[in-house]
Amino acid sequence: MLLTIKFLRFFRNLNSNSYFNFNTILKLYAMTKNCIVCQTKLVGRDGRKFCSDACRIEHHNQLNRSGGRFVRMINERLRKNHRILCELNCEGITKTNRASLVIRGFDFNLITMIERSSNGENYFYIYDQGYRMFDNEHYLLVKRE
């Protein structure tokens, strides 16, 4: 944008007898503005980047889309773990056994955070849902507020 302003100032300072004058340059610049997504010509406000809300949304979805297959796969498994904990932990704190988690397909290898409590116990979190093993087969499910 700064380069464009300098370019336009350069041509404005030229003699009006030159082939291009300032108004001609402005018209040419305005005519070449296209939508970032679909490349249609833009009409209206000078700073527009998109021709419609659909193009704006599509552009931002492309920017926010996860890069690779591996990342998408991990995110899907994390969401599945989170969904399982949400199903079992409706009240905010619940006890459950390992078998009920395994039957639903819970993956104990995927977590997003570990928190150590004041008494030295580790809580494993998947986003806001967490768990702690309190004996070999039983888990305490908690929700982080």
Protein backbone atom coordinates (compact mmCIF):
# COMPACT_ATOMS: atom_id res chain seq x y z
CA MET A 1 0.00 0.00 0.00
CA LEU A 2 2.84 2.39 0.89
CA LEU A 3 4.50 1.69 -2.46
CA THR A 4 1.22 2.47 -4.24
CA ILE A 5 0.93 5.81 -2.42
CA LYS A 6 4.51 6.72 -3.36
CA PHE A 7 3.80 5.67 -6.95
CA LEU A 8 0.70 7.87 -7.10
CA ARG A 9 2.51 10.85 -5.54
CA PHE A 10 5.27 10.49 -8.12
CA PHE A 11 2.78 10.72 -10.99
CA ARG A 12 0.86 13.57 -9.34
CA ASN A 13 4.06 15.60 -9.21
CA LEU A 14 4.71 15.08 -12.93
CA ASN A 15 3.76 17.72 -15.42
CA SER A 16 0.07 17.54 -16.41
CA ASN A 17 1.18 17.43 -20.07
CA SER A 18 2.70 14.00 -19.53
CA TYR A 19 1.00 10.95 -20.96
CA PHE A 20 -0.38 9.84 -17.56
CA ASN A 21 -1.78 12.33 -15.13
CA PHE A 22 -2.79 11.70 -11.53
CA ASN A 23 -6.51 11.14 -12.25
CA THR A 24 -5.74 8.63 -15.00
CA ILE A 25 -3.50 6.66 -12.64
CA LEU A 26 -6.21 6.66 -9.95
CA LYS A 27 -8.76 5.35 -12.45
CA LEU A 28 -6.39 2.61 -13.64
CA TYR A 29 -5.61 1.61 -10.04
CA ALA A 30 -9.30 1.46 -9.12
CA MET A 31 -10.10 -0.65 -12.18
CA THR A 32 -7.52 -3.30 -11.30
CA LYS A 33 -8.87 -4.02 -7.81
CA ASN A 34 -10.26 -7.57 -7.77
CA CYS A 35 -11.71 -9.83 -5.09
CA ILE A 36 -8.96 -11.88 -3.43
CA VAL A 37 -10.95 -15.12 -3.70
CA CYS A 38 -12.92 -15.08 -6.97
CA GLN A 39 -11.11 -12.28 -8.85
CA THR A 40 -14.29 -10.36 -9.74
CA LYS A 41 -13.97 -6.58 -10.05
CA LEU A 42 -14.69 -4.68 -6.85
CA VAL A 43 -17.15 -1.82 -6.76
CA GLY A 44 -17.66 0.48 -3.80
CA ARG A 45 -15.38 1.44 -0.95
CA ASP A 46 -11.72 1.91 -1.85
CA GLY A 47 -10.28 -0.53 0.74
CA ARG A 48 -12.46 -3.52 -0.13
CA LYS A 49 -10.77 -6.90 -0.53
CA PHE A 50 -13.80 -9.15 -1.09
CA CYS A 51 -16.84 -8.89 -3.32
CA SER A 52 -19.18 -10.60 -0.85
CA ASP A 53 -19.45 -12.09 2.64
CA ALA A 54 -19.16 -15.56 1.11
CA CYS A 55 -15.73 -14.72 -0.36
CA ARG A 56 -14.59 -13.13 2.91
CA ILE A 57 -15.63 -16.23 4.88
CA GLU A 58 -14.01 -18.57 2.34
CA HIS A 59 -10.73 -16.62 2.52
CA HIS A 60 -10.63 -16.79 6.33
CA ASN A 61 -11.55 -20.49 6.29
CA GLN A 62 -8.62 -21.14 3.95
CA LEU A 63 -6.29 -19.28 6.31
CA ASN A 64 -7.51 -21.16 9.39
CA ARG A 65 -7.64 -24.61 7.83
CA SER A 66 -5.20 -27.04 9.43
CA GLY A 67 -2.13 -27.63 7.33
CA GLY A 68 -1.70 -31.34 7.07
CA ARG A 69 -3.41 -34.66 7.33
CA PHE A 70 -1.48 -35.52 10.51
CA VAL A 71 -2.67 -32.38 12.32
CA ARG A 72 -6.29 -33.00 11.31
CA MET A 73 -6.06 -36.60 12.50
CA ILE A 74 -4.69 -35.57 15.92
CA ASN A 75 -7.36 -32.88 16.29
CA GLU A 76 -10.10 -35.39 15.46
CA ARG A 77 -8.78 -37.80 18.11
CA LEU A 78 -8.53 -34.99 20.69
CA ARG A 79 -12.12 -33.95 19.95
CA LYS A 80 -13.23 -37.57 20.33
CA ASN A 81 -11.49 -37.80 23.73
CA HIS A 82 -13.08 -34.50 24.77
CA ARG A 83 -16.52 -35.67 23.66
CA ILE A 84 -16.15 -38.91 25.67
CA LEU A 85 -15.17 -37.01 28.81
CA CYS A 86 -18.08 -34.60 28.33
CA GLU A 87 -20.53 -37.50 28.02
CA LEU A 88 -19.29 -39.15 31.20
CA ASN A 89 -18.74 -35.98 33.22
CA CYS A 90 -22.05 -34.10 33.09
CA GLU A 91 -21.91 -32.73 36.64
CA GLY A 92 -18.37 -31.31 36.72
CA ILE A 93 -16.81 -34.05 38.85
CA THR A 94 -17.46 -37.79 38.38
CA LYS A 95 -15.87 -41.15 39.07
CA THR A 96 -15.62 -43.77 36.34
CA ASN A 97 -13.65 -46.90 35.56
CA ARG A 98 -11.06 -47.49 32.86
CA ALA A 99 -13.26 -49.97 30.99
CA SER A 100 -16.01 -47.41 30.35
CA LEU A 101 -13.44 -45.07 28.81
CA VAL A 102 -11.78 -47.79 26.70
CA ILE A 103 -15.12 -49.12 25.39
CA ARG A 104 -15.97 -45.66 24.07
CA GLY A 105 -12.58 -45.43 22.31
CA PHE A 106 -10.72 -43.07 24.67
CA ASP A 107 -7.02 -42.67 23.82
CA PHE A 108 -4.94 -42.16 26.97
CA ASN A 109 -1.90 -41.08 24.93
CA LEU A 110 -3.45 -37.80 23.77
CA ILE A 111 -3.75 -34.86 26.15
CA THR A 112 -3.44 -31.09 25.85
CA MET A 113 -2.15 -30.25 29.34
CA ILE A 114 -0.89 -31.73 32.60
CA GLU A 115 -1.58 -29.95 35.87
CA ARG A 116 -0.06 -30.90 39.23
CA SER A 117 -2.36 -30.32 42.19
CA SER A 118 -1.19 -28.97 45.56
CA ASN A 119 -1.00 -32.51 46.96
CA GLY A 120 1.23 -33.67 44.05
CA GLU A 121 -1.30 -35.55 41.91
CA ASN A 122 -1.24 -35.13 38.15
CA TYR A 123 -4.43 -34.17 36.30
CA PHE A 124 -4.42 -34.83 32.56
CA TYR A 125 -6.56 -32.45 30.51
CA ILE A 126 -8.08 -32.48 27.06
CA TYR A 127 -9.01 -28.81 26.69
CA ASP A 128 -11.29 -28.12 29.69
CA GLN A 129 -12.05 -31.76 30.62
CA GLY A 130 -9.58 -33.60 32.79
CA TYR A 131 -9.00 -36.90 34.57
CA ARG A 132 -6.84 -38.35 37.30
CA MET A 133 -6.25 -42.02 38.11
CA PHE A 134 -6.96 -42.65 41.80
CA ASP A 135 -6.41 -46.41 41.77
CA ASN A 136 -5.50 -48.94 39.07
CA GLU A 137 -8.90 -49.09 37.41
CA HIS A 138 -10.78 -45.96 38.53
CA TYR A 139 -10.56 -42.37 37.34
CA LEU A 140 -11.81 -39.09 38.70
CA LEU A 141 -13.17 -36.87 35.89
CA VAL A 142 -13.11 -33.12 36.44
CA LYS A 143 -14.00 -30.02 34.47
CA ARG A 144 -11.69 -27.02 34.53
CA GLU A 145 -13.54 -23.76 35.17
